[in-house]
Amino acid sequence: MKPELIKTDLHPRNQHRQRYDFTQLIASSGGLKPYVKPNKYGDDSIDFANPLAVKALNQALLKHCYDVAVWDIPSDYLCPPIPGRADYIHYLADLLNESTVNMEPIRLLDVGVGANLIYPLIGQHTYGWHFVGADIDRLALQNAQQLIDANQLNEQIELRLQQEKGAIFKGVIQPSEQFTATLCNPPFHASLAEAQAGTQRKWRGLGKHGKAGLNFGGQSNELYCAGGEAAFVKQMIDESQLFANQCKWFTTLIAKASTLPSVYAALKKAGALEVKTVEMRQGQKQSRMVAWSFFVA
């Protein structure tokens, strides 16, 4: 593999550091074939502005790399980029290894698991972790449960409906229940208009013209909330204090660097004893994982 074909910005253990091998992916999932065509450089690729093509690529990647035989999402639900999602899992694994977490089995709580179930699917296959996935969306959980059933993962992944309006951990984490860590990809837009503007920027970045559809997929609760990611993460930090003795690490993605000062201020106020920030990048997109703990190191 030529050096210029290696995506050095991804985690060293990420399987997606090299260009997609579409021959192998099509061999794993024939449904991808109709969408693969030479790009302007003569290399095989797909139209990343076409949600059906992106979904077919995800199906092939999940089957080829993570032994997920069946994967699908309802129309208009978020279709996540697999390489970036895998990075979060690998950096979380580094955090657990570095902090000598002695909990077996490793149990993770995925806040906002969504219809795509992506973190549990990658994490259970790569590291043998067990997951509880929580969401406020019944339809999303119905689809996620179908994926669990179809791939025979009921012993590894459990789903819970968050029924407490406005709550994050309350109503999901049960009394005396222990988790190794939580993870979350919070809605980072503050409004529908802001989400649409972000989508339009992506659309133009793909060389398209005209008006784009909403984020190439994504329900309102997946894309935006009052106050955006800053407000969501602050509430997460506030609630984490209630479960300080039931979880070793609380973690979340932060999309905007401008959110970090308010996050650090909230963590200081909450009395977090350890805080870590891990920078992550996928192409032009930069994000970071922020982790905090109330346990003495």
C-alpha atoms as a PDB file:
ATOM      1  CA  MET A   1       0.000   0.000   0.000  1.00  0.00           C
ATOM      2  CA  LYS A   2       1.461   3.339  -1.046  1.00  0.00           C
ATOM      3  CA  PRO A   3       1.995   5.783   1.839  1.00  0.00           C
ATOM      4  CA  GLU A   4      -0.312   8.368   0.283  1.00  0.00           C
ATOM      5  CA  LEU A   5      -3.143   5.826   0.379  1.00  0.00           C
ATOM      6  CA  ILE A   6      -2.917   5.433   4.160  1.00  0.00           C
ATOM      7  CA  LYS A   7      -5.280   7.604   6.218  1.00  0.00           C
ATOM      8  CA  THR A   8      -2.760   8.417   8.944  1.00  0.00           C
ATOM      9  CA  ASP A   9      -5.271  10.606  10.791  1.00  0.00           C
ATOM     10  CA  LEU A  10      -7.278   7.548  11.876  1.00  0.00           C
ATOM     11  CA  HIS A  11      -6.433   5.402  14.915  1.00  0.00           C
ATOM     12  CA  PRO A  12      -3.603   2.907  14.230  1.00  0.00           C
ATOM     13  CA  ARG A  13      -5.941  -0.048  14.875  1.00  0.00           C
ATOM     14  CA  ASN A  14      -8.713   1.321  12.674  1.00  0.00           C
ATOM     15  CA  GLN A  15      -9.398  -1.108   9.810  1.00  0.00           C
ATOM     16  CA  HIS A  16     -10.343   1.790   7.534  1.00  0.00           C
ATOM     17  CA  ARG A  17      -6.968   3.527   7.251  1.00  0.00           C
ATOM     18  CA  GLN A  18      -6.557   2.332   3.665  1.00  0.00           C
ATOM     19  CA  ARG A  19      -8.693   3.197   0.661  1.00  0.00           C
ATOM     20  CA  TYR A  20     -11.785   1.111   0.319  1.00  0.00           C
ATOM     21  CA  ASP A  21     -11.125  -2.102  -1.597  1.00  0.00           C
ATOM     22  CA  PHE A  22     -14.365  -2.115  -3.560  1.00  0.00           C
ATOM     23  CA  THR A  23     -13.618  -5.503  -5.131  1.00  0.00           C
ATOM     24  CA  GLN A  24     -13.507  -7.107  -1.701  1.00  0.00           C
ATOM     25  CA  LEU A  25     -16.459  -5.120  -0.415  1.00  0.00           C
ATOM     26  CA  ILE A  26     -18.618  -6.098  -3.390  1.00  0.00           C
ATOM     27  CA  ALA A  27     -17.612  -9.716  -2.847  1.00  0.00           C
ATOM     28  CA  SER A  28     -18.901  -9.417   0.727  1.00  0.00           C
ATOM     29  CA  SER A  29     -22.044  -7.495  -0.165  1.00  0.00           C
ATOM     30  CA  GLY A  30     -23.243  -7.580  -3.765  1.00  0.00           C
ATOM     31  CA  GLY A  31     -25.746  -4.807  -3.092  1.00  0.00           C
ATOM     32  CA  LEU A  32     -22.896  -2.296  -3.265  1.00  0.00           C
ATOM     33  CA  LYS A  33     -21.983  -3.074  -6.870  1.00  0.00           C
ATOM     34  CA  PRO A  34     -24.571  -0.860  -8.664  1.00  0.00           C
ATOM     35  CA  TYR A  35     -23.263   2.209  -6.824  1.00  0.00           C
ATOM     36  CA  VAL A  36     -19.542   1.773  -7.539  1.00  0.00           C
ATOM     37  CA  LYS A  37     -18.240   3.781 -10.486  1.00  0.00           C
ATOM     38  CA  PRO A  38     -14.939   5.442 -11.436  1.00  0.00           C
ATOM     39  CA  ASN A  39     -14.583   8.959 -10.050  1.00  0.00           C
ATOM     40  CA  LYS A  40     -12.955  11.851 -11.910  1.00  0.00           C
ATOM     41  CA  TYR A  41      -9.530  10.402 -11.073  1.00  0.00           C
ATOM     42  CA  GLY A  42     -10.418   6.988 -12.492  1.00  0.00           C
ATOM     43  CA  ASP A  43     -10.613   5.316  -9.065  1.00  0.00           C
ATOM     44  CA  ASP A  44     -13.573   3.217  -7.974  1.00  0.00           C
ATOM     45  CA  SER A  45     -15.831   5.149  -5.602  1.00  0.00           C
ATOM     46  CA  ILE A  46     -19.459   5.940  -4.802  1.00  0.00           C
ATOM     47  CA  ASP A  47     -21.504   9.127  -4.810  1.00  0.00           C
ATOM     48  CA  PHE A  48     -21.357  10.083  -1.121  1.00  0.00           C
ATOM     49  CA  ALA A  49     -24.285  12.457  -1.625  1.00  0.00           C
ATOM     50  CA  ASN A  50     -26.516   9.482  -2.498  1.00  0.00           C
ATOM     51  CA  PRO A  51     -27.960   8.053   0.757  1.00  0.00           C
ATOM     52  CA  LEU A  52     -28.656   4.681  -0.874  1.00  0.00           C
ATOM     53  CA  ALA A  53     -25.031   4.405  -1.965  1.00  0.00           C
ATOM     54  CA  VAL A  54     -23.768   5.351   1.496  1.00  0.00           C
ATOM     55  CA  LYS A  55     -26.075   2.795   3.110  1.00  0.00           C
ATOM     56  CA  ALA A  56     -24.884   0.095   0.698  1.00  0.00           C
ATOM     57  CA  LEU A  57     -21.266   0.989   1.541  1.00  0.00           C
ATOM     58  CA  ASN A  58     -22.019   0.724   5.270  1.00  0.00           C
ATOM     59  CA  GLN A  59     -23.659  -2.655   4.776  1.00  0.00           C
ATOM     60  CA  ALA A  60     -20.579  -3.903   2.944  1.00  0.00           C
ATOM     61  CA  LEU A  61     -18.136  -2.479   5.509  1.00  0.00           C
ATOM     62  CA  LEU A  62     -20.043  -3.914   8.456  1.00  0.00           C
ATOM     63  CA  LYS A  63     -20.268  -7.331   6.849  1.00  0.00           C
ATOM     64  CA  HIS A  64     -16.661  -7.422   5.605  1.00  0.00           C
ATOM     65  CA  CYS A  65     -14.960  -5.937   8.681  1.00  0.00           C
ATOM     66  CA  TYR A  66     -17.270  -6.737  11.596  1.00  0.00           C
ATOM     67  CA  ASP A  67     -19.199  -9.884  10.564  1.00  0.00           C
ATOM     68  CA  VAL A  68     -22.531  -8.049  10.628  1.00  0.00           C
ATOM     69  CA  ALA A  69     -24.600 -10.137   8.234  1.00  0.00           C
ATOM     70  CA  VAL A  70     -27.727  -7.956   8.352  1.00  0.00           C
ATOM     71  CA  TRP A  71     -27.796  -4.162   8.650  1.00  0.00           C
ATOM     72  CA  ASP A  72     -30.386  -1.628   7.567  1.00  0.00           C
ATOM     73  CA  ILE A  73     -31.980   1.580   8.812  1.00  0.00           C
ATOM     74  CA  PRO A  74     -35.387   3.164   8.172  1.00  0.00           C
ATOM     75  CA  SER A  75     -35.500   5.961   5.631  1.00  0.00           C
ATOM     76  CA  ASP A  76     -34.501   9.403   6.933  1.00  0.00           C
ATOM     77  CA  TYR A  77     -32.520   8.010   9.864  1.00  0.00           C
ATOM     78  CA  LEU A  78     -28.865   8.857  10.385  1.00  0.00           C
ATOM     79  CA  CYS A  79     -26.467   6.788   8.265  1.00  0.00           C
ATOM     80  CA  PRO A  80     -23.177   7.060  10.193  1.00  0.00           C
ATOM     81  CA  PRO A  81     -19.655   7.129   8.721  1.00  0.00           C
ATOM     82  CA  ILE A  82     -18.113   3.826   9.823  1.00  0.00           C
ATOM     83  CA  PRO A  83     -14.410   4.902   9.985  1.00  0.00           C
ATOM     84  CA  GLY A  84     -15.087   7.786  12.372  1.00  0.00           C
ATOM     85  CA  ARG A  85     -17.364   5.689  14.582  1.00  0.00           C
ATOM     86  CA  ALA A  86     -14.694   2.986  14.773  1.00  0.00           C
ATOM     87  CA  ASP A  87     -12.145   5.597  15.894  1.00  0.00           C
ATOM     88  CA  TYR A  88     -14.243   6.447  18.961  1.00  0.00           C
ATOM     89  CA  ILE A  89     -14.360   2.764  19.904  1.00  0.00           C
ATOM     90  CA  HIS A  90     -10.580   2.343  19.552  1.00  0.00           C
ATOM     91  CA  TYR A  91      -9.743   5.490  21.541  1.00  0.00           C
ATOM     92  CA  LEU A  92     -12.179   4.403  24.236  1.00  0.00           C
ATOM     93  CA  ALA A  93     -10.394   1.035  24.357  1.00  0.00           C
ATOM     94  CA  ASP A  94      -7.090   2.873  24.852  1.00  0.00           C
ATOM     95  CA  LEU A  95      -8.609   4.853  27.720  1.00  0.00           C
ATOM     96  CA  LEU A  96      -9.838   1.686  29.449  1.00  0.00           C
ATOM     97  CA  ASN A  97      -6.503  -0.044  28.984  1.00  0.00           C
ATOM     98  CA  GLU A  98      -4.508   2.930  30.252  1.00  0.00           C
ATOM     99  CA  SER A  99      -6.680   3.321  33.335  1.00  0.00           C
ATOM    100  CA  THR A 100      -6.392  -0.384  34.210  1.00  0.00           C
ATOM    101  CA  VAL A 101     -10.115  -0.959  34.417  1.00  0.00           C
ATOM    102  CA  ASN A 102     -10.603  -4.337  36.088  1.00  0.00           C
ATOM    103  CA  MET A 103     -14.216  -5.006  35.266  1.00  0.00           C
ATOM    104  CA  GLU A 104     -15.236  -8.192  33.469  1.00  0.00           C
ATOM    105  CA  PRO A 105     -17.101  -8.205  31.285  1.00  0.00           C
ATOM    106  CA  ILE A 106     -16.664  -4.660  30.016  1.00  0.00           C
ATOM    107  CA  ARG A 107     -20.127  -3.052  30.004  1.00  0.00           C
ATOM    108  CA  LEU A 108     -20.761   0.119  28.028  1.00  0.00           C
ATOM    109  CA  LEU A 109     -23.798   2.392  27.963  1.00  0.00           C
ATOM    110  CA  ASP A 110     -24.423   3.948  24.548  1.00  0.00           C
ATOM    111  CA  VAL A 111     -26.509   7.085  25.049  1.00  0.00           C
ATOM    112  CA  GLY A 112     -28.560   7.695  21.893  1.00  0.00           C
ATOM    113  CA  VAL A 113     -27.826   4.332  20.300  1.00  0.00           C
ATOM    114  CA  GLY A 114     -30.110   5.155  17.365  1.00  0.00           C
ATOM    115  CA  ALA A 115     -31.572   2.885  14.715  1.00  0.00           C
ATOM    116  CA  ASN A 116     -28.110   2.155  13.310  1.00  0.00           C
ATOM    117  CA  LEU A 117     -26.683   0.438  16.466  1.00  0.00           C
ATOM    118  CA  ILE A 118     -23.239   1.256  15.156  1.00  0.00           C
ATOM    119  CA  TYR A 119     -21.147   1.537  18.326  1.00  0.00           C
ATOM    120  CA  PRO A 120     -22.380  -1.737  19.849  1.00  0.00           C
ATOM    121  CA  LEU A 121     -21.891  -3.587  16.554  1.00  0.00           C
ATOM    122  CA  ILE A 122     -18.282  -2.422  16.226  1.00  0.00           C
ATOM    123  CA  GLY A 123     -17.426  -2.665  19.928  1.00  0.00           C
ATOM    124  CA  GLN A 124     -18.783  -6.149  20.552  1.00  0.00           C
ATOM    125  CA  HIS A 125     -16.989  -7.573  17.519  1.00  0.00           C
ATOM    126  CA  THR A 126     -13.669  -5.778  18.002  1.00  0.00           C
ATOM    127  CA  TYR A 127     -13.267  -6.027  21.773  1.00  0.00           C
ATOM    128  CA  GLY A 128     -15.956  -8.428  23.008  1.00  0.00           C
ATOM    129  CA  TRP A 129     -17.648  -5.656  24.997  1.00  0.00           C
ATOM    130  CA  HIS A 130     -21.222  -5.861  26.249  1.00  0.00           C
ATOM    131  CA  PHE A 131     -23.551  -2.936  25.586  1.00  0.00           C
ATOM    132  CA  VAL A 132     -26.728  -1.339  26.814  1.00  0.00           C
ATOM    133  CA  GLY A 133     -28.098   1.027  24.181  1.00  0.00           C
ATOM    134  CA  ALA A 134     -30.567   3.732  25.229  1.00  0.00           C
ATOM    135  CA  ASP A 135     -32.709   6.034  23.119  1.00  0.00           C
ATOM    136  CA  ILE A 136     -35.867   8.164  23.312  1.00  0.00           C
ATOM    137  CA  ASP A 137     -37.058   6.985  19.879  1.00  0.00           C
ATOM    138  CA  ARG A 138     -39.185   3.806  19.910  1.00  0.00           C
ATOM    139  CA  LEU A 139     -38.902   3.290  16.140  1.00  0.00           C
ATOM    140  CA  ALA A 140     -35.124   3.557  16.322  1.00  0.00           C
ATOM    141  CA  LEU A 141     -35.012   0.943  19.082  1.00  0.00           C
ATOM    142  CA  GLN A 142     -37.351  -1.340  17.134  1.00  0.00           C
ATOM    143  CA  ASN A 143     -34.972  -1.281  14.190  1.00  0.00           C
ATOM    144  CA  ALA A 144     -31.938  -1.748  16.444  1.00  0.00           C
ATOM    145  CA  GLN A 145     -33.588  -4.765  18.076  1.00  0.00           C
ATOM    146  CA  GLN A 146     -34.222  -6.277  14.645  1.00  0.00           C
ATOM    147  CA  LEU A 147     -30.501  -5.941  13.941  1.00  0.00           C
ATOM    148  CA  ILE A 148     -29.654  -7.591  17.262  1.00  0.00           C
ATOM    149  CA  ASP A 149     -32.019 -10.483  16.534  1.00  0.00           C
ATOM    150  CA  ALA A 150     -30.887 -10.930  12.931  1.00  0.00           C
ATOM    151  CA  ASN A 151     -27.223 -11.038  13.936  1.00  0.00           C
ATOM    152  CA  GLN A 152     -27.829 -13.176  17.075  1.00  0.00           C
ATOM    153  CA  LEU A 153     -26.354 -10.627  19.465  1.00  0.00           C
ATOM    154  CA  ASN A 154     -28.927 -10.702  22.267  1.00  0.00           C
ATOM    155  CA  GLU A 155     -26.336 -11.863  24.791  1.00  0.00           C
ATOM    156  CA  GLN A 156     -24.036  -8.950  23.928  1.00  0.00           C
ATOM    157  CA  ILE A 157     -26.433  -6.043  23.388  1.00  0.00           C
ATOM    158  CA  GLU A 158     -29.490  -4.903  25.362  1.00  0.00           C
ATOM    159  CA  LEU A 159     -31.732  -1.945  24.531  1.00  0.00           C
ATOM    160  CA  ARG A 160     -33.639   0.410  26.821  1.00  0.00           C
ATOM    161  CA  LEU A 161     -36.194   3.111  26.083  1.00  0.00           C
ATOM    162  CA  GLN A 162     -35.494   6.410  27.837  1.00  0.00           C
ATOM    163  CA  GLN A 163     -38.956   7.374  29.071  1.00  0.00           C
ATOM    164  CA  GLU A 164     -38.024  10.275  31.346  1.00  0.00           C
ATOM    165  CA  LYS A 165     -38.457  13.418  29.287  1.00  0.00           C
ATOM    166  CA  GLY A 166     -35.284  15.492  29.191  1.00  0.00           C
ATOM    167  CA  ALA A 167     -33.218  12.923  31.117  1.00  0.00           C
ATOM    168  CA  ILE A 168     -30.022  11.271  29.937  1.00  0.00           C
ATOM    169  CA  PHE A 169     -28.833   8.753  32.552  1.00  0.00           C
ATOM    170  CA  LYS A 170     -31.801   8.935  34.937  1.00  0.00           C
ATOM    171  CA  GLY A 171     -34.315   6.221  34.163  1.00  0.00           C
ATOM    172  CA  VAL A 172     -31.735   4.187  32.225  1.00  0.00           C
ATOM    173  CA  ILE A 173     -29.019   3.322  34.743  1.00  0.00           C
ATOM    174  CA  GLN A 174     -30.662   1.102  37.337  1.00  0.00           C
ATOM    175  CA  PRO A 175     -29.890   1.150  41.088  1.00  0.00           C
ATOM    176  CA  SER A 176     -26.635  -0.661  41.938  1.00  0.00           C
ATOM    177  CA  GLU A 177     -25.963  -1.323  38.229  1.00  0.00           C
ATOM    178  CA  GLN A 178     -22.331  -0.938  37.173  1.00  0.00           C
ATOM    179  CA  PHE A 179     -20.925   0.279  33.849  1.00  0.00           C
ATOM    180  CA  THR A 180     -17.324   0.471  32.760  1.00  0.00           C
ATOM    181  CA  ALA A 181     -17.988   3.545  30.626  1.00  0.00           C
ATOM    182  CA  THR A 182     -20.623   5.501  28.761  1.00  0.00           C
ATOM    183  CA  LEU A 183     -20.327   6.855  25.231  1.00  0.00           C
ATOM    184  CA  CYS A 184     -22.393   9.337  23.279  1.00  0.00           C
ATOM    185  CA  ASN A 185     -22.502  11.186  19.981  1.00  0.00           C
ATOM    186  CA  PRO A 186     -24.689  14.112  21.064  1.00  0.00           C
ATOM    187  CA  PRO A 187     -26.847  16.222  18.765  1.00  0.00           C
ATOM    188  CA  PHE A 188     -24.600  19.200  18.141  1.00  0.00           C
ATOM    189  CA  HIS A 189     -26.881  21.637  16.323  1.00  0.00           C
ATOM    190  CA  ALA A 190     -29.041  24.026  18.323  1.00  0.00           C
ATOM    191  CA  SER A 191     -31.932  24.214  15.833  1.00  0.00           C
ATOM    192  CA  LEU A 192     -33.379  22.833  12.613  1.00  0.00           C
ATOM    193  CA  ALA A 193     -32.115  25.883  10.700  1.00  0.00           C
ATOM    194  CA  GLU A 194     -28.575  25.325  11.992  1.00  0.00           C
ATOM    195  CA  ALA A 195     -28.748  21.628  11.041  1.00  0.00           C
ATOM    196  CA  GLN A 196     -29.930  22.521   7.536  1.00  0.00           C
ATOM    197  CA  ALA A 197     -27.109  25.045   7.135  1.00  0.00           C
ATOM    198  CA  GLY A 198     -24.580  22.402   8.153  1.00  0.00           C
ATOM    199  CA  THR A 199     -26.053  19.992   5.652  1.00  0.00           C
ATOM    200  CA  GLN A 200     -25.807  22.598   2.903  1.00  0.00           C
ATOM    201  CA  ARG A 201     -22.096  23.041   3.652  1.00  0.00           C
ATOM    202  CA  LYS A 202     -21.579  19.281   3.344  1.00  0.00           C
ATOM    203  CA  TRP A 203     -23.511  19.306   0.076  1.00  0.00           C
ATOM    204  CA  ARG A 204     -21.297  22.026  -1.382  1.00  0.00           C
ATOM    205  CA  GLY A 205     -18.214  20.194  -0.089  1.00  0.00           C
ATOM    206  CA  LEU A 206     -19.249  17.216  -2.198  1.00  0.00           C
ATOM    207  CA  GLY A 207     -19.367  19.458  -5.264  1.00  0.00           C
ATOM    208  CA  LYS A 208     -23.164  19.533  -5.439  1.00  0.00           C
ATOM    209  CA  HIS A 209     -25.422  22.456  -6.222  1.00  0.00           C
ATOM    210  CA  GLY A 210     -28.941  23.357  -5.216  1.00  0.00           C
ATOM    211  CA  LYS A 211     -30.643  22.584  -1.922  1.00  0.00           C
ATOM    212  CA  ALA A 212     -29.653  19.465  -0.002  1.00  0.00           C
ATOM    213  CA  GLY A 213     -31.952  17.215   1.977  1.00  0.00           C
ATOM    214  CA  LEU A 214     -31.592  17.234   5.755  1.00  0.00           C
ATOM    215  CA  ASN A 215     -28.161  15.873   6.592  1.00  0.00           C
ATOM    216  CA  PHE A 216     -28.479  12.966   4.133  1.00  0.00           C
ATOM    217  CA  GLY A 217     -30.587  11.324   6.840  1.00  0.00           C
ATOM    218  CA  GLY A 218     -31.190  12.023  10.489  1.00  0.00           C
ATOM    219  CA  GLN A 219     -34.158  12.529  12.795  1.00  0.00           C
ATOM    220  CA  SER A 220     -34.520  15.767  14.742  1.00  0.00           C
ATOM    221  CA  ASN A 221     -33.333  14.210  18.008  1.00  0.00           C
ATOM    222  CA  GLU A 222     -30.229  12.893  16.217  1.00  0.00           C
ATOM    223  CA  LEU A 223     -29.275  16.278  14.797  1.00  0.00           C
ATOM    224  CA  TYR A 224     -30.271  19.096  17.115  1.00  0.00           C
ATOM    225  CA  CYS A 225     -31.555  20.027  20.550  1.00  0.00           C
ATOM    226  CA  ALA A 226     -32.167  23.237  22.477  1.00  0.00           C
ATOM    227  CA  GLY A 227     -28.781  24.744  23.205  1.00  0.00           C
ATOM    228  CA  GLY A 228     -26.919  22.323  20.927  1.00  0.00           C
ATOM    229  CA  GLU A 229     -24.153  20.018  22.062  1.00  0.00           C
ATOM    230  CA  ALA A 230     -22.975  22.439  24.781  1.00  0.00           C
ATOM    231  CA  ALA A 231     -26.312  22.258  26.605  1.00  0.00           C
ATOM    232  CA  PHE A 232     -26.674  18.510  26.062  1.00  0.00           C
ATOM    233  CA  VAL A 233     -23.200  17.708  27.385  1.00  0.00           C
ATOM    234  CA  LYS A 234     -23.618  20.043  30.372  1.00  0.00           C
ATOM    235  CA  GLN A 235     -26.747  18.147  31.349  1.00  0.00           C
ATOM    236  CA  MET A 236     -24.867  14.878  30.875  1.00  0.00           C
ATOM    237  CA  ILE A 237     -22.138  16.106  33.215  1.00  0.00           C
ATOM    238  CA  ASP A 238     -24.675  17.263  35.806  1.00  0.00           C
ATOM    239  CA  GLU A 239     -26.461  13.894  35.757  1.00  0.00           C
ATOM    240  CA  SER A 240     -23.206  11.926  35.833  1.00  0.00           C
ATOM    241  CA  GLN A 241     -22.691  13.093  39.422  1.00  0.00           C
ATOM    242  CA  LEU A 242     -25.736  11.045  40.423  1.00  0.00           C
ATOM    243  CA  PHE A 243     -24.081   7.882  39.129  1.00  0.00           C
ATOM    244  CA  ALA A 244     -20.489   8.681  40.091  1.00  0.00           C
ATOM    245  CA  ASN A 245     -20.060   5.344  41.893  1.00  0.00           C
ATOM    246  CA  GLN A 246     -21.736   3.270  39.194  1.00  0.00           C
ATOM    247  CA  CYS A 247     -19.544   4.102  36.222  1.00  0.00           C
ATOM    248  CA  LYS A 248     -15.762   4.339  35.908  1.00  0.00           C
ATOM    249  CA  TRP A 249     -15.689   6.674  32.890  1.00  0.00           C
ATOM    250  CA  PHE A 250     -18.228   8.968  31.276  1.00  0.00           C
ATOM    251  CA  THR A 251     -17.320   9.939  27.713  1.00  0.00           C
ATOM    252  CA  THR A 252     -18.786  11.914  24.841  1.00  0.00           C
ATOM    253  CA  LEU A 253     -17.838  13.202  21.431  1.00  0.00           C
ATOM    254  CA  ILE A 254     -17.453  16.967  21.110  1.00  0.00           C
ATOM    255  CA  ALA A 255     -17.790  18.258  17.559  1.00  0.00           C
ATOM    256  CA  LYS A 256     -17.041  21.935  18.186  1.00  0.00           C
ATOM    257  CA  ALA A 257     -13.793  23.136  19.763  1.00  0.00           C
ATOM    258  CA  SER A 258     -15.710  26.201  20.959  1.00  0.00           C
ATOM    259  CA  THR A 259     -17.759  23.903  23.233  1.00  0.00           C
ATOM    260  CA  LEU A 260     -14.731  22.767  25.244  1.00  0.00           C
ATOM    261  CA  PRO A 261     -14.378  25.720  27.661  1.00  0.00           C
ATOM    262  CA  SER A 262     -17.965  25.311  28.908  1.00  0.00           C
ATOM    263  CA  VAL A 263     -17.453  21.550  29.190  1.00  0.00           C
ATOM    264  CA  TYR A 264     -14.315  21.954  31.291  1.00  0.00           C
ATOM    265  CA  ALA A 265     -16.040  24.519  33.505  1.00  0.00           C
ATOM    266  CA  ALA A 266     -18.974  22.141  34.072  1.00  0.00           C
ATOM    267  CA  LEU A 267     -16.622  19.268  34.892  1.00  0.00           C
ATOM    268  CA  LYS A 268     -14.743  21.396  37.426  1.00  0.00           C
ATOM    269  CA  LYS A 269     -18.001  22.428  39.059  1.00  0.00           C
ATOM    270  CA  ALA A 270     -19.165  18.786  39.122  1.00  0.00           C
ATOM    271  CA  GLY A 271     -15.985  17.735  40.920  1.00  0.00           C
ATOM    272  CA  ALA A 272     -14.649  15.325  38.320  1.00  0.00           C
ATOM    273  CA  LEU A 273     -11.382  13.898  39.628  1.00  0.00           C
ATOM    274  CA  GLU A 274      -9.912  13.035  36.241  1.00  0.00           C
ATOM    275  CA  VAL A 275     -10.571  14.577  32.820  1.00  0.00           C
ATOM    276  CA  LYS A 276      -9.051  13.487  29.507  1.00  0.00           C
ATOM    277  CA  THR A 277      -9.432  14.907  26.002  1.00  0.00           C
ATOM    278  CA  VAL A 278      -8.473  12.885  22.928  1.00  0.00           C
ATOM    279  CA  GLU A 279      -8.244  14.648  19.569  1.00  0.00           C
ATOM    280  CA  MET A 280      -9.634  12.748  16.578  1.00  0.00           C
ATOM    281  CA  ARG A 281      -9.693  13.533  12.874  1.00  0.00           C
ATOM    282  CA  GLN A 282     -11.236  11.979   9.770  1.00  0.00           C
ATOM    283  CA  GLY A 283     -10.245  13.857   6.644  1.00  0.00           C
ATOM    284  CA  GLN A 284     -11.297  17.488   7.065  1.00  0.00           C
ATOM    285  CA  LYS A 285     -13.534  16.687  10.016  1.00  0.00           C
ATOM    286  CA  GLN A 286     -12.013  17.156  13.457  1.00  0.00           C
ATOM    287  CA  SER A 287     -13.630  16.160  16.731  1.00  0.00           C
ATOM    288  CA  ARG A 288     -12.548  14.992  20.144  1.00  0.00           C
ATOM    289  CA  MET A 289     -13.526  12.563  22.878  1.00  0.00           C
ATOM    290  CA  VAL A 290     -13.852  14.061  26.337  1.00  0.00           C
ATOM    291  CA  ALA A 291     -13.803  11.607  29.241  1.00  0.00           C
ATOM    292  CA  TRP A 292     -14.257  12.211  32.954  1.00  0.00           C
ATOM    293  CA  SER A 293     -14.266  10.097  36.092  1.00  0.00           C
ATOM    294  CA  PHE A 294     -15.162  10.529  39.771  1.00  0.00           C
ATOM    295  CA  PHE A 295     -12.962   7.596  40.769  1.00  0.00           C
ATOM    296  CA  VAL A 296      -9.544   8.171  42.313  1.00  0.00           C
ATOM    297  CA  ALA A 297      -6.895   7.075  39.779  1.00  0.00           C
END
